[in-house]
Amino acid sequence: MTTDPIDISTHIRDIPDFPSPGIVFKDITPLLGHPVAFRSAIDQLAAPFEDASVTKVLGTEARGFILAAPVADRYGAGFVPVRKAGKLPWEIERQEYELEYGTDLLEIHRDAILPGERVLIVDDVLATGGTAGATARLVEKLGGEVAGFAFLIELAFLPGREQLGDHHITSVITYAGE
């Protein structure tokens, strides 16, 4: 069941100075709690890739899980969680990525992506592109092909898009300024 697109930005709450002074956190909790807005958001994430022959949809921990699983369901595709280090119980592939101050690790089960599978990467926010870029490298290490990226929110004043190469990128809501 699809809905007409609605302005889901009215269901995003700004939280100033979280998690640190000067940051305006984009809280998607009101969106998740509103069934019509949530359904519309999922529709808007999924629609640009309807003809992309997606076989797997990856969601990155933690809010990406909430968005990616229903997108996978729309396509009849598998859902794959990409986790922070130490959370997966089986053989893993890992990818280090840069943070503002230091590095972090993402992990995926080695059998989650088969060679040649077309993978859509879904997450809540595109900011600096570090998490999304690391997720794409995990897909490629396992022999998958990145079909594209779908983000609920894009912070266009940060360089995230530049980190993702020539892949198809869609964002439901774009914030041009802080």
Protein backbone atom coordinates (compact mmCIF):
# COMPACT_ATOMS: atom_id res chain seq x y z
CA MET A 1 0.00 0.00 0.00
CA THR A 2 1.45 3.35 -1.00
CA THR A 3 0.39 6.80 0.04
CA ASP A 4 0.59 10.17 -1.60
CA PRO A 5 3.79 11.92 -0.53
CA ILE A 6 3.27 14.29 2.37
CA ASP A 7 5.58 16.88 3.86
CA ILE A 8 7.25 14.64 6.38
CA SER A 9 9.59 17.43 7.47
CA THR A 10 6.75 18.62 9.74
CA HIS A 11 7.29 15.40 11.71
CA ILE A 12 11.02 16.00 12.35
CA ARG A 13 11.85 17.67 15.67
CA ASP A 14 14.93 19.85 16.10
CA ILE A 15 16.79 19.32 19.38
CA PRO A 16 19.34 22.13 19.87
CA ASP A 17 22.72 21.45 21.46
CA PHE A 18 22.43 17.64 21.27
CA PRO A 19 24.64 15.67 21.55
CA SER A 20 26.93 18.65 22.05
CA PRO A 21 26.71 22.46 22.00
CA GLY A 22 26.14 23.91 18.54
CA ILE A 23 24.64 20.74 17.06
CA VAL A 24 20.97 20.65 16.06
CA PHE A 25 19.87 17.01 16.26
CA LYS A 26 17.17 15.94 13.80
CA ASP A 27 14.85 13.74 15.88
CA ILE A 28 12.80 11.35 13.73
CA THR A 29 10.86 9.90 16.68
CA PRO A 30 7.70 11.95 15.92
CA LEU A 31 7.81 10.68 12.32
CA LEU A 32 8.13 7.07 13.45
CA GLY A 33 5.11 7.49 15.72
CA HIS A 34 2.85 8.90 12.99
CA PRO A 35 1.65 6.00 10.79
CA VAL A 36 0.72 8.07 7.73
CA ALA A 37 3.95 10.10 7.79
CA PHE A 38 6.06 6.98 8.39
CA ARG A 39 4.41 5.12 5.51
CA SER A 40 4.93 8.13 3.24
CA ALA A 41 8.60 8.34 4.25
CA ILE A 42 9.13 4.66 3.40
CA ASP A 43 7.35 5.14 0.07
CA GLN A 44 9.56 8.12 -0.74
CA LEU A 45 12.73 6.20 0.19
CA ALA A 46 11.75 3.19 -1.93
CA ALA A 47 10.25 4.81 -5.05
CA PRO A 48 13.47 6.04 -6.75
CA PHE A 49 14.86 2.48 -6.84
CA GLU A 50 11.78 0.52 -8.00
CA ASP A 51 13.47 -0.41 -11.28
CA ALA A 52 16.95 -1.00 -9.82
CA SER A 53 16.60 -4.80 -9.36
CA VAL A 54 17.52 -4.51 -5.67
CA THR A 55 18.07 -7.90 -4.02
CA LYS A 56 19.27 -6.70 -0.59
CA VAL A 57 18.65 -3.59 1.47
CA LEU A 58 21.24 -2.65 4.09
CA GLY A 59 20.41 -0.59 7.15
CA THR A 60 23.08 0.84 9.39
CA GLU A 61 22.80 0.78 13.15
CA ALA A 62 20.50 1.85 14.61
CA ARG A 63 17.92 4.13 13.00
CA GLY A 64 18.82 2.81 9.56
CA PHE A 65 17.37 -0.55 10.65
CA ILE A 66 13.97 1.04 11.20
CA LEU A 67 13.90 2.52 7.69
CA ALA A 68 15.66 -0.19 5.70
CA ALA A 69 13.55 -3.17 6.82
CA PRO A 70 10.24 -1.83 5.43
CA VAL A 71 12.00 -0.72 2.23
CA ALA A 72 13.31 -4.28 1.82
CA ASP A 73 9.79 -5.57 2.34
CA ARG A 74 8.49 -3.26 -0.44
CA TYR A 75 10.96 -4.81 -2.88
CA GLY A 76 10.61 -8.40 -1.70
CA ALA A 77 14.34 -8.15 -0.96
CA GLY A 78 16.42 -9.33 1.97
CA PHE A 79 17.29 -6.99 4.83
CA VAL A 80 20.88 -6.87 6.12
CA PRO A 81 21.94 -5.08 9.32
CA VAL A 82 25.28 -3.30 9.36
CA ARG A 83 26.42 -3.07 12.97
CA LYS A 84 28.95 -1.32 15.14
CA ALA A 85 31.93 -3.49 16.07
CA GLY A 86 31.41 -6.48 18.34
CA LYS A 87 27.64 -6.90 17.89
CA LEU A 88 27.44 -9.66 15.29
CA PRO A 89 27.76 -13.29 16.41
CA TRP A 90 29.18 -14.94 13.29
CA GLU A 91 32.00 -14.50 10.78
CA ILE A 92 32.25 -10.84 9.86
CA GLU A 93 33.78 -8.45 7.42
CA ARG A 94 34.71 -5.09 8.91
CA GLN A 95 35.44 -1.63 7.61
CA GLU A 96 37.09 1.22 9.44
CA TYR A 97 35.92 4.77 8.76
CA GLU A 98 36.84 8.28 9.85
CA LEU A 99 35.00 10.21 12.51
CA GLU A 100 35.51 13.88 13.28
CA TYR A 101 37.94 12.85 16.03
CA GLY A 102 39.27 9.34 15.39
CA THR A 103 37.91 6.24 13.69
CA ASP A 104 35.19 3.64 14.17
CA LEU A 105 34.33 0.22 12.74
CA LEU A 106 31.30 -1.22 10.97
CA GLU A 107 30.70 -4.94 10.57
CA ILE A 108 28.56 -7.22 8.41
CA HIS A 109 28.17 -11.00 8.29
CA ARG A 110 30.37 -12.42 5.52
CA ASP A 111 27.49 -14.34 3.98
CA ALA A 112 25.03 -11.41 4.04
CA ILE A 113 25.82 -10.27 0.49
CA LEU A 114 26.48 -12.69 -2.34
CA PRO A 115 28.64 -11.77 -5.34
CA GLY A 116 26.60 -9.88 -7.93
CA GLU A 117 23.74 -8.93 -5.63
CA ARG A 118 22.35 -5.41 -6.08
CA VAL A 119 22.29 -3.60 -2.77
CA LEU A 120 20.48 -0.46 -1.68
CA ILE A 121 21.96 1.27 1.37
CA VAL A 122 19.37 3.04 3.55
CA ASP A 123 20.06 5.28 6.53
CA ASP A 124 18.41 8.08 8.43
CA VAL A 125 20.94 10.88 7.83
CA LEU A 126 23.61 11.71 5.27
CA ALA A 127 26.05 14.08 6.97
CA THR A 128 29.79 13.62 6.39
CA GLY A 129 29.36 10.40 4.38
CA GLY A 130 31.72 8.33 6.54
CA THR A 131 29.21 5.69 7.60
CA ALA A 132 27.61 5.43 4.15
CA GLY A 133 30.98 5.21 2.41
CA ALA A 134 32.19 2.49 4.78
CA THR A 135 28.96 0.56 4.22
CA ALA A 136 29.46 0.75 0.44
CA ARG A 137 33.01 -0.57 0.83
CA LEU A 138 31.66 -3.52 2.85
CA VAL A 139 29.20 -4.34 0.06
CA GLU A 140 31.98 -4.19 -2.53
CA LYS A 141 34.35 -6.34 -0.40
CA LEU A 142 31.69 -9.05 -0.42
CA GLY A 143 31.23 -8.82 -4.20
CA GLY A 144 27.94 -6.93 -4.18
CA GLU A 145 27.05 -3.97 -6.35
CA VAL A 146 25.80 -0.76 -4.73
CA ALA A 147 22.51 0.10 -6.48
CA GLY A 148 22.36 3.39 -4.60
CA PHE A 149 21.78 5.21 -1.34
CA ALA A 150 18.49 6.36 0.17
CA PHE A 151 18.49 8.77 3.10
CA LEU A 152 15.59 10.18 5.04
CA ILE A 153 17.54 13.38 5.77
CA GLU A 154 20.50 14.97 4.03
CA LEU A 155 22.53 17.73 5.66
CA ALA A 156 23.65 19.35 2.40
CA PHE A 157 25.91 21.84 4.19
CA LEU A 158 28.21 18.90 5.03
CA PRO A 159 30.31 17.00 2.44
CA GLY A 160 28.49 13.64 2.59
CA ARG A 161 27.47 13.45 -1.05
CA GLU A 162 31.06 14.07 -2.16
CA GLN A 163 32.17 10.93 -0.29
CA LEU A 164 29.83 8.60 -2.19
CA GLY A 165 31.14 8.88 -5.72
CA ASP A 166 28.84 8.54 -8.72
CA HIS A 167 26.23 6.36 -7.02
CA HIS A 168 22.54 7.19 -7.28
CA ILE A 169 21.68 9.09 -4.07
CA THR A 170 18.22 10.14 -2.98
CA SER A 171 17.19 12.08 0.09
CA VAL A 172 13.61 12.65 1.19
CA ILE A 173 14.39 15.86 3.13
CA THR A 174 17.37 18.13 2.44
CA TYR A 175 18.54 20.79 4.88
CA ALA A 176 20.68 23.34 3.06
CA GLY A 177 21.85 25.20 6.18
CA GLU A 178 22.57 24.40 9.78
